[in-house]
Amino acid sequence: MNPPPPVPRPLVIGATGMVGGAILRRLAADGARPVGVSRAPQAAQAGVDWLAADLTRVGEAALPALGAVFATAPAGLVADAVPQLAAAGMNRLVVFTSTSIATKWDSPDPEERAAIRRWGADEARLIAACDAHNVAWTVLRPTLIYLEGRDGNVSRIAALVRRFRFFPLMGGGEGLRQPVHADDLAAAAVAASATPASAGRTYDLPGGETLSYREMVGRIFDGLGMPRMIVPVPDWAWRLALPVAVRVLPGLSATMAVRMAKDMTFDGARARAEIGFQPRSFYPEFR
């Protein structure tokens, strides 16, 4: 009698990151026994198996029989790995890119603009690779991702506030934002993988609340348990002070300052309707 075929396993690429780690935890809690991919060996984790592998050479790794694959790694690297993952059984791919492909496409910073356009091209190449290998794909594009203490957006502002006790705001900081928590994105990814109708779809994933940049910074002060000390700076003064400010305030950049007045909002209605996306309101907690 022939042995039964191996049971396909979910694979998480980028499993040590904010969103990938949350996906791994959710799959493990559901009893799916996911496999996390990491370049370096990881400590044992209940309900999880780890595979030490480099995504650029994933075909050389001892891949298990695959089912759904979740990827938070750069889309270009994932696109290159699609043939090897498909050969191991991958029939479903849920991959994260970013709404920055839309909001920063015409960035005034030439390096950033070039990087964003590469992201867009890599996303298109990923989709083409999936189609060529009969892999059902879903692309998730989050807005401003945060996970207290780990992200480079909200937590970077929190670090500046904690250090200097104030935050400089260009103009009124009226640009709108929709911060989205990493765990809410993980929930969306798992739901999308289990929703056949989401195959071949791209979803914008904004946070559960739309608020001004100023109010977003204010909520960060609240989450630190500190009084709000937000200092408006006129545009002309920003331009004079910025060369010094970027040295004195690590993490501040010219493009970050200019965007404080720009709306960066998206409609999450389709994600709510089709994959049950239910992001939380923005009340980060750093204490």
Protein backbone atom coordinates (compact mmCIF):
# COMPACT_ATOMS: atom_id res chain seq x y z
CA MET A 1 0.00 0.00 0.00
CA ASN A 2 1.36 3.39 -0.96
CA PRO A 3 1.85 5.88 1.87
CA PRO A 4 -0.61 8.79 1.94
CA PRO A 5 0.63 11.99 0.28
CA PRO A 6 2.07 14.61 2.66
CA VAL A 7 -0.35 17.18 4.00
CA PRO A 8 0.33 20.61 2.45
CA ARG A 9 1.71 23.14 4.91
CA PRO A 10 1.30 26.93 4.96
CA LEU A 11 4.60 28.77 4.51
CA VAL A 12 5.33 32.27 5.82
CA ILE A 13 8.11 34.23 4.11
CA GLY A 14 9.25 37.12 6.27
CA ALA A 15 8.15 35.26 9.39
CA THR A 16 10.42 37.21 11.74
CA GLY A 17 8.96 40.57 10.68
CA MET A 18 6.04 42.47 12.17
CA VAL A 19 3.31 41.20 9.88
CA GLY A 20 4.88 37.83 9.07
CA GLY A 21 5.30 37.04 12.76
CA ALA A 22 1.65 37.88 13.41
CA ILE A 23 0.56 35.63 10.50
CA LEU A 24 2.66 32.81 11.93
CA ARG A 25 1.05 33.18 15.36
CA ARG A 26 -2.46 33.23 13.92
CA LEU A 27 -1.88 30.12 11.79
CA ALA A 28 -0.35 28.29 14.76
CA ALA A 29 -3.31 29.23 16.95
CA ASP A 30 -5.60 27.75 14.28
CA GLY A 31 -3.67 24.48 14.40
CA ALA A 32 -2.32 24.82 10.86
CA ARG A 33 1.31 24.09 11.91
CA PRO A 34 2.89 26.72 9.63
CA VAL A 35 6.50 26.78 8.46
CA GLY A 36 8.34 30.04 8.97
CA VAL A 37 11.20 30.96 6.65
CA SER A 38 14.18 32.75 8.15
CA ARG A 39 17.75 33.26 7.02
CA ALA A 40 19.01 32.31 10.49
CA PRO A 41 17.88 29.46 12.76
CA GLN A 42 15.11 30.47 15.15
CA ALA A 43 14.20 29.39 18.66
CA ALA A 44 11.51 26.72 19.00
CA GLN A 45 7.97 28.05 18.94
CA ALA A 46 4.85 26.08 19.82
CA GLY A 47 2.91 24.95 16.78
CA VAL A 48 5.51 26.28 14.32
CA ASP A 49 8.32 24.71 12.31
CA TRP A 50 11.22 26.81 11.07
CA LEU A 51 13.12 26.55 7.81
CA ALA A 52 16.48 28.31 7.57
CA ALA A 53 16.65 29.43 3.95
CA ASP A 54 17.56 32.38 1.76
CA LEU A 55 14.67 33.41 -0.48
CA THR A 56 17.07 33.95 -3.37
CA ARG A 57 18.01 30.24 -3.15
CA VAL A 58 14.77 28.80 -1.86
CA GLY A 59 14.90 26.01 -4.47
CA GLU A 60 17.87 24.58 -2.60
CA ALA A 61 15.95 24.36 0.69
CA ALA A 62 14.16 21.27 1.97
CA LEU A 63 10.70 22.67 1.34
CA PRO A 64 7.74 20.70 2.67
CA ALA A 65 4.68 20.06 0.53
CA LEU A 66 3.16 23.51 0.25
CA GLY A 67 -0.34 24.87 0.15
CA ALA A 68 -0.83 28.57 0.82
CA VAL A 69 2.20 30.83 1.02
CA PHE A 70 2.23 34.21 2.74
CA ALA A 71 4.96 36.69 1.83
CA THR A 72 5.96 40.02 3.32
CA ALA A 73 9.37 40.06 1.60
CA PRO A 74 10.07 42.42 -1.32
CA ALA A 75 7.83 41.54 -4.26
CA GLY A 76 10.74 41.20 -6.67
CA LEU A 77 12.39 38.50 -4.56
CA VAL A 78 9.08 36.68 -4.18
CA ALA A 79 8.49 36.87 -7.95
CA ASP A 80 11.85 35.20 -8.58
CA ALA A 81 10.98 32.41 -6.13
CA VAL A 82 7.53 31.63 -7.57
CA PRO A 83 8.73 28.81 -9.89
CA GLN A 84 10.46 26.96 -7.04
CA LEU A 85 7.57 27.48 -4.63
CA ALA A 86 5.06 26.32 -7.25
CA ALA A 87 7.17 23.21 -7.87
CA ALA A 88 6.83 22.43 -4.15
CA GLY A 89 3.04 22.63 -4.41
CA MET A 90 2.21 26.27 -3.74
CA ASN A 91 -1.23 26.91 -5.20
CA ARG A 92 -2.08 30.09 -3.29
CA LEU A 93 0.02 33.19 -2.63
CA VAL A 94 -0.94 36.13 -0.43
CA VAL A 95 1.68 38.86 -0.74
CA PHE A 96 2.09 42.31 0.76
CA THR A 97 3.20 45.36 -1.17
CA SER A 98 2.21 48.93 -0.22
CA THR A 99 -0.14 51.79 -0.97
CA SER A 100 3.07 53.83 -1.37
CA ILE A 101 3.03 52.58 -4.95
CA ALA A 102 0.18 55.06 -5.41
CA THR A 103 1.00 57.83 -2.92
CA LYS A 104 4.73 58.16 -3.64
CA TRP A 105 4.78 57.40 -7.37
CA ASP A 106 5.66 61.02 -8.14
CA SER A 107 7.77 61.69 -5.04
CA PRO A 108 9.98 64.81 -5.29
CA ASP A 109 12.88 62.69 -4.03
CA PRO A 110 14.37 61.05 -7.16
CA GLU A 111 15.80 58.07 -5.26
CA GLU A 112 12.49 57.40 -3.54
CA ARG A 113 10.59 57.86 -6.80
CA ALA A 114 12.84 55.34 -8.55
CA ALA A 115 12.44 52.86 -5.68
CA ILE A 116 8.65 53.13 -5.71
CA ARG A 117 8.51 52.57 -9.45
CA ARG A 118 10.63 49.45 -9.00
CA TRP A 119 8.12 48.26 -6.41
CA GLY A 120 5.31 48.74 -8.90
CA ALA A 121 7.19 46.87 -11.61
CA ASP A 122 8.05 44.05 -9.19
CA GLU A 123 4.41 43.73 -8.15
CA ALA A 124 3.39 43.37 -11.80
CA ARG A 125 6.16 40.82 -12.39
CA LEU A 126 5.01 38.83 -9.36
CA ILE A 127 1.46 38.65 -10.67
CA ALA A 128 2.71 37.53 -14.09
CA ALA A 129 4.85 34.80 -12.50
CA CYS A 130 1.87 33.50 -10.52
CA ASP A 131 -0.32 33.45 -13.61
CA ALA A 132 2.38 31.57 -15.54
CA HIS A 133 2.58 28.87 -12.84
CA ASN A 134 -1.16 28.55 -12.09
CA VAL A 135 -0.85 30.06 -8.63
CA ALA A 136 -3.87 31.95 -7.32
CA TRP A 137 -2.61 35.28 -5.97
CA THR A 138 -3.88 38.08 -3.76
CA VAL A 139 -1.99 41.34 -3.31
CA LEU A 140 -2.53 43.29 -0.09
CA ARG A 141 -1.51 46.94 -0.01
CA PRO A 142 -1.48 48.36 3.53
CA THR A 143 -1.19 52.01 4.43
CA LEU A 144 1.00 53.15 7.36
CA ILE A 145 1.92 49.94 9.23
CA TYR A 146 2.65 50.09 12.94
CA LEU A 147 3.45 47.71 15.75
CA GLU A 148 4.41 49.46 18.94
CA GLY A 149 8.18 49.50 19.35
CA ARG A 150 8.96 47.75 16.06
CA ASP A 151 7.87 49.78 13.05
CA GLY A 152 9.73 52.58 11.29
CA ASN A 153 6.76 54.94 11.11
CA VAL A 154 4.71 55.41 14.28
CA SER A 155 7.41 54.01 16.56
CA ARG A 156 10.00 56.30 14.97
CA ILE A 157 7.83 59.29 15.87
CA ALA A 158 7.40 57.86 19.37
CA ALA A 159 11.17 57.59 19.75
CA LEU A 160 11.61 61.23 18.74
CA VAL A 161 8.88 62.33 21.15
CA ARG A 162 10.30 60.28 24.01
CA ARG A 163 13.75 61.75 23.47
CA PHE A 164 12.94 65.41 22.83
CA ARG A 165 9.54 65.77 24.61
CA PHE A 166 8.07 67.63 21.61
CA PHE A 167 7.38 67.10 17.92
CA PRO A 168 7.89 69.70 15.18
CA LEU A 169 5.03 69.85 12.71
CA MET A 170 5.25 71.51 9.33
CA GLY A 171 2.32 73.89 9.02
CA GLY A 172 -0.88 72.54 10.48
CA GLY A 173 -0.19 68.87 9.82
CA GLU A 174 -3.58 68.58 8.15
CA GLY A 175 -2.65 65.67 5.85
CA LEU A 176 -4.84 62.64 6.50
CA ARG A 177 -3.47 59.25 7.61
CA GLN A 178 -4.87 55.75 8.25
CA PRO A 179 -2.37 53.85 10.45
CA VAL A 180 -2.96 50.10 10.37
CA HIS A 181 -1.83 47.60 13.00
CA ALA A 182 0.36 44.66 11.95
CA ASP A 183 -1.94 42.12 13.57
CA ASP A 184 -4.96 43.43 11.67
CA LEU A 185 -3.00 42.90 8.46
CA ALA A 186 -2.18 39.34 9.53
CA ALA A 187 -5.88 38.68 10.08
CA ALA A 188 -6.62 40.00 6.59
CA ALA A 189 -3.95 37.77 5.01
CA VAL A 190 -5.25 34.62 6.68
CA ALA A 191 -8.82 35.50 5.72
CA ALA A 192 -7.82 36.18 2.12
CA SER A 193 -6.08 32.80 1.83
CA ALA A 194 -9.32 31.10 2.85
CA THR A 195 -11.51 33.16 0.49
CA PRO A 196 -11.52 31.80 -3.08
CA ALA A 197 -13.15 34.97 -4.40
CA SER A 198 -10.12 37.03 -3.33
CA ALA A 199 -7.87 35.25 -5.85
CA GLY A 200 -6.68 37.61 -8.56
CA ARG A 201 -7.58 40.66 -6.47
CA THR A 202 -5.60 43.57 -5.07
CA TYR A 203 -6.88 45.10 -1.83
CA ASP A 204 -6.01 48.40 -0.19
CA LEU A 205 -5.83 47.90 3.59
CA PRO A 206 -6.16 51.20 5.47
CA GLY A 207 -6.45 51.42 9.23
CA GLY A 208 -9.79 51.67 10.98
CA GLU A 209 -9.64 55.41 11.45
CA THR A 210 -8.81 58.41 9.27
CA LEU A 211 -7.15 61.23 11.19
CA SER A 212 -4.92 64.21 10.54
CA TYR A 213 -1.16 63.89 10.83
CA ARG A 214 -1.37 66.25 13.81
CA GLU A 215 -3.92 64.08 15.59
CA MET A 216 -1.92 60.94 14.76
CA VAL A 217 1.10 62.49 16.48
CA GLY A 218 -1.14 63.54 19.37
CA ARG A 219 -2.32 59.95 19.84
CA ILE A 220 1.35 58.88 19.98
CA PHE A 221 1.94 61.36 22.81
CA ASP A 222 -1.13 59.87 24.54
CA GLY A 223 0.21 56.34 24.05
CA LEU A 224 3.47 57.40 25.72
CA GLY A 225 1.60 58.92 28.64
CA MET A 226 3.07 62.33 27.84
CA PRO A 227 1.37 65.72 27.42
CA ARG A 228 0.95 66.74 23.82
CA MET A 229 3.70 69.15 22.84
CA ILE A 230 3.28 69.65 19.10
CA VAL A 231 5.12 72.68 17.71
CA PRO A 232 3.80 74.05 14.38
CA VAL A 233 6.58 75.40 12.17
CA PRO A 234 5.79 77.58 9.11
CA ASP A 235 6.78 76.18 5.73
CA TRP A 236 9.46 78.84 5.17
CA ALA A 237 11.04 78.11 8.56
CA TRP A 238 11.00 74.36 7.81
CA ARG A 239 12.94 74.91 4.64
CA LEU A 240 15.54 76.97 6.47
CA ALA A 241 15.82 74.65 9.46
CA LEU A 242 15.57 71.27 7.75
CA PRO A 243 19.29 70.79 6.98
CA VAL A 244 19.99 71.16 10.71
CA ALA A 245 16.84 69.39 11.89
CA VAL A 246 17.61 66.15 10.05
CA ARG A 247 20.91 65.98 11.95
CA VAL A 248 19.49 66.92 15.34
CA LEU A 249 16.34 64.79 15.05
CA PRO A 250 17.40 61.36 13.78
CA GLY A 251 14.65 59.78 11.71
CA LEU A 252 13.28 63.05 10.39
CA SER A 253 13.59 63.57 6.64
CA ALA A 254 12.71 66.22 4.11
CA THR A 255 10.07 64.06 2.43
CA MET A 256 8.54 63.10 5.80
CA ALA A 257 8.15 66.79 6.65
CA VAL A 258 6.63 67.77 3.30
CA ARG A 259 4.09 64.93 3.45
CA MET A 260 2.64 66.14 6.75
CA ALA A 261 0.22 68.23 4.67
CA LYS A 262 -0.55 65.54 2.07
CA ASP A 263 -3.57 63.23 2.28
CA MET A 264 -2.65 59.55 2.05
CA THR A 265 -5.98 57.79 2.34
CA PHE A 266 -7.58 54.76 0.73
CA ASP A 267 -10.94 53.03 0.69
CA GLY A 268 -11.00 49.70 2.48
CA ALA A 269 -14.65 48.94 1.64
CA ARG A 270 -13.88 46.08 -0.75
CA ALA A 271 -11.54 44.42 1.74
CA ARG A 272 -14.19 44.73 4.44
CA ALA A 273 -16.87 43.27 2.21
CA GLU A 274 -14.88 40.45 0.59
CA ILE A 275 -12.39 39.28 3.24
CA GLY A 276 -13.97 40.64 6.43
CA PHE A 277 -11.22 43.16 7.12
CA GLN A 278 -11.89 44.85 10.48
CA PRO A 279 -8.98 47.13 11.42
CA ARG A 280 -8.85 48.77 14.84
CA SER A 281 -8.93 52.50 15.59
CA PHE A 282 -5.61 54.18 16.24
CA TYR A 283 -4.75 54.16 19.93
CA PRO A 284 -1.13 52.97 20.16
CA GLU A 285 0.17 51.98 23.58
CA PHE A 286 3.87 52.44 24.38
CA ARG A 287 3.80 52.43 28.18
